N, C-alpha and C. Protein backbone atom coordinates (compact mmCIF):
# COMPACT_ATOMS: atom_id res chain seq x y z
N MET A 1 -41.97 11.63 17.90
CA MET A 1 -41.04 11.24 16.87
C MET A 1 -41.66 11.61 15.52
N THR A 2 -41.16 12.60 14.88
CA THR A 2 -41.65 12.97 13.55
C THR A 2 -40.79 12.30 12.50
N LEU A 3 -41.45 11.63 11.56
CA LEU A 3 -40.75 10.91 10.50
C LEU A 3 -40.93 11.66 9.18
N VAL A 4 -39.92 11.61 8.35
CA VAL A 4 -39.98 12.31 7.05
C VAL A 4 -40.08 11.28 5.93
N PRO A 5 -40.74 11.65 4.82
CA PRO A 5 -40.83 10.72 3.69
C PRO A 5 -39.44 10.22 3.27
N GLY A 6 -39.37 8.92 3.01
CA GLY A 6 -38.11 8.30 2.61
C GLY A 6 -37.35 7.68 3.77
N SER A 7 -37.66 8.11 5.02
CA SER A 7 -36.96 7.51 6.17
C SER A 7 -37.53 6.12 6.42
N ARG A 8 -36.80 5.33 7.20
CA ARG A 8 -37.20 3.96 7.47
C ARG A 8 -37.37 3.74 8.96
N LEU A 9 -38.33 2.88 9.27
CA LEU A 9 -38.57 2.44 10.64
C LEU A 9 -38.74 0.94 10.54
N GLY A 10 -37.65 0.21 10.84
CA GLY A 10 -37.66 -1.24 10.63
C GLY A 10 -37.84 -1.53 9.15
N PRO A 11 -38.77 -2.43 8.81
CA PRO A 11 -38.97 -2.76 7.39
C PRO A 11 -39.88 -1.76 6.66
N TYR A 12 -40.30 -0.71 7.34
CA TYR A 12 -41.25 0.24 6.76
C TYR A 12 -40.55 1.48 6.24
N GLN A 13 -40.90 1.87 5.02
CA GLN A 13 -40.39 3.11 4.44
C GLN A 13 -41.53 4.12 4.46
N ILE A 14 -41.29 5.26 5.08
CA ILE A 14 -42.31 6.29 5.23
C ILE A 14 -42.60 6.93 3.88
N VAL A 15 -43.89 7.02 3.54
CA VAL A 15 -44.32 7.63 2.29
C VAL A 15 -44.80 9.06 2.56
N SER A 16 -45.68 9.22 3.56
CA SER A 16 -46.20 10.55 3.89
C SER A 16 -46.86 10.53 5.26
N ALA A 17 -47.05 11.71 5.82
CA ALA A 17 -47.80 11.85 7.07
C ALA A 17 -49.29 11.84 6.73
N LEU A 18 -50.08 11.15 7.55
CA LEU A 18 -51.53 11.13 7.35
C LEU A 18 -52.25 12.02 8.36
N GLY A 19 -51.70 12.11 9.57
CA GLY A 19 -52.36 12.92 10.59
C GLY A 19 -51.62 12.84 11.91
N ALA A 20 -51.98 13.75 12.80
CA ALA A 20 -51.36 13.79 14.13
C ALA A 20 -52.37 14.35 15.12
N GLY A 21 -52.24 13.91 16.35
CA GLY A 21 -53.12 14.38 17.41
C GLY A 21 -52.61 13.93 18.75
N GLY A 22 -53.45 14.01 19.74
CA GLY A 22 -53.06 13.66 21.10
C GLY A 22 -52.70 12.20 21.29
N MET A 23 -53.18 11.33 20.40
CA MET A 23 -52.92 9.90 20.51
C MET A 23 -51.70 9.45 19.72
N GLY A 24 -51.07 10.37 18.99
CA GLY A 24 -49.87 10.02 18.24
C GLY A 24 -49.90 10.55 16.82
N GLU A 25 -48.97 10.05 16.02
CA GLU A 25 -48.86 10.45 14.62
C GLU A 25 -49.07 9.22 13.76
N VAL A 26 -49.75 9.41 12.63
CA VAL A 26 -50.03 8.30 11.71
C VAL A 26 -49.37 8.60 10.37
N TYR A 27 -48.72 7.58 9.83
CA TYR A 27 -47.98 7.71 8.58
C TYR A 27 -48.42 6.65 7.58
N ARG A 28 -48.42 7.02 6.33
CA ARG A 28 -48.57 6.05 5.24
C ARG A 28 -47.16 5.54 4.98
N ALA A 29 -47.03 4.21 4.91
CA ALA A 29 -45.70 3.61 4.74
C ALA A 29 -45.79 2.40 3.83
N ARG A 30 -44.66 1.96 3.39
CA ARG A 30 -44.55 0.76 2.54
C ARG A 30 -43.81 -0.31 3.34
N ASP A 31 -44.44 -1.46 3.50
CA ASP A 31 -43.81 -2.60 4.14
C ASP A 31 -42.91 -3.23 3.08
N THR A 32 -41.60 -3.07 3.22
CA THR A 32 -40.67 -3.53 2.19
C THR A 32 -40.51 -5.05 2.19
N LYS A 33 -40.87 -5.72 3.26
CA LYS A 33 -40.79 -7.19 3.29
C LYS A 33 -41.98 -7.82 2.57
N LEU A 34 -43.16 -7.27 2.80
CA LEU A 34 -44.38 -7.86 2.23
C LEU A 34 -44.88 -7.09 1.01
N ASN A 35 -44.18 -6.02 0.66
CA ASN A 35 -44.50 -5.21 -0.53
C ASN A 35 -45.97 -4.77 -0.53
N ARG A 36 -46.36 -4.09 0.55
CA ARG A 36 -47.73 -3.58 0.64
C ARG A 36 -47.75 -2.25 1.37
N GLU A 37 -48.82 -1.49 1.15
CA GLU A 37 -49.01 -0.21 1.83
C GLU A 37 -49.60 -0.48 3.22
N VAL A 38 -49.13 0.27 4.21
CA VAL A 38 -49.63 0.13 5.58
C VAL A 38 -49.78 1.52 6.19
N ALA A 39 -50.48 1.58 7.29
CA ALA A 39 -50.54 2.79 8.10
C ALA A 39 -49.80 2.49 9.40
N LEU A 40 -48.89 3.37 9.78
CA LEU A 40 -48.14 3.21 11.02
C LEU A 40 -48.56 4.29 12.00
N LYS A 41 -48.82 3.90 13.23
CA LYS A 41 -49.14 4.85 14.28
C LYS A 41 -47.97 4.89 15.25
N VAL A 42 -47.43 6.08 15.47
CA VAL A 42 -46.33 6.27 16.41
C VAL A 42 -46.91 6.93 17.66
N LEU A 43 -46.83 6.22 18.78
CA LEU A 43 -47.38 6.73 20.03
C LEU A 43 -46.45 7.74 20.69
N PRO A 44 -47.04 8.71 21.41
CA PRO A 44 -46.19 9.61 22.21
C PRO A 44 -45.46 8.78 23.27
N GLU A 45 -44.30 9.26 23.70
CA GLU A 45 -43.49 8.52 24.67
C GLU A 45 -44.27 8.19 25.94
N ALA A 46 -45.08 9.13 26.42
CA ALA A 46 -45.85 8.89 27.65
C ALA A 46 -46.79 7.70 27.48
N PHE A 47 -47.36 7.52 26.30
CA PHE A 47 -48.25 6.39 26.04
C PHE A 47 -47.44 5.11 25.95
N ALA A 48 -46.30 5.17 25.33
CA ALA A 48 -45.47 3.98 25.13
C ALA A 48 -44.97 3.41 26.45
N LEU A 49 -44.93 4.23 27.48
CA LEU A 49 -44.45 3.78 28.79
C LEU A 49 -45.59 3.35 29.71
N ASP A 50 -46.83 3.47 29.26
CA ASP A 50 -48.00 3.14 30.08
C ASP A 50 -48.51 1.75 29.68
N PRO A 51 -48.38 0.76 30.56
CA PRO A 51 -48.78 -0.62 30.22
C PRO A 51 -50.25 -0.75 29.80
N ASP A 52 -51.15 0.02 30.42
CA ASP A 52 -52.57 -0.07 30.07
C ASP A 52 -52.81 0.43 28.65
N ARG A 53 -52.17 1.52 28.29
CA ARG A 53 -52.34 2.06 26.94
C ARG A 53 -51.70 1.14 25.90
N LEU A 54 -50.57 0.54 26.25
CA LEU A 54 -49.94 -0.41 25.32
C LEU A 54 -50.83 -1.63 25.09
N ALA A 55 -51.47 -2.10 26.15
CA ALA A 55 -52.37 -3.25 26.01
C ALA A 55 -53.54 -2.90 25.10
N ALA A 56 -54.10 -1.70 25.26
CA ALA A 56 -55.21 -1.27 24.41
C ALA A 56 -54.76 -1.16 22.97
N SER A 57 -53.56 -0.65 22.75
CA SER A 57 -53.02 -0.51 21.39
C SER A 57 -52.81 -1.89 20.76
N SER A 58 -52.32 -2.84 21.54
CA SER A 58 -52.11 -4.20 21.03
C SER A 58 -53.44 -4.85 20.64
N ALA A 59 -54.48 -4.61 21.42
CA ALA A 59 -55.79 -5.16 21.10
C ALA A 59 -56.31 -4.59 19.79
N LYS A 60 -56.13 -3.29 19.56
CA LYS A 60 -56.56 -2.67 18.30
C LYS A 60 -55.78 -3.25 17.13
N ARG A 61 -54.48 -3.42 17.31
CA ARG A 61 -53.63 -3.95 16.24
C ARG A 61 -54.09 -5.35 15.84
N ARG A 62 -54.41 -6.19 16.81
CA ARG A 62 -54.88 -7.54 16.52
C ARG A 62 -56.22 -7.48 15.76
N CYS A 63 -57.09 -6.59 16.15
CA CYS A 63 -58.40 -6.46 15.52
C CYS A 63 -58.24 -6.01 14.07
N TRP A 64 -57.37 -5.06 13.79
CA TRP A 64 -57.19 -4.52 12.44
C TRP A 64 -56.57 -5.55 11.50
N ARG A 65 -55.82 -6.51 12.01
CA ARG A 65 -55.19 -7.50 11.16
C ARG A 65 -56.18 -8.52 10.63
N ARG A 66 -57.32 -8.66 11.25
CA ARG A 66 -58.29 -9.70 10.86
C ARG A 66 -59.01 -9.37 9.60
């Protein structure tokens, strides 16, 4: 899923692409609810359907929030 600047994904407005690779695409975005800059990682579909990879991604997300 390639996102373009100005598009929205839920409460996030895409600002720019930061990078892409085998693990997905990363975007700089603005959280419009909390009014802050965030990085969004969009996983490839094959990863999104794999429960083990989703669990690993959830663990990383929890760690980054601390």
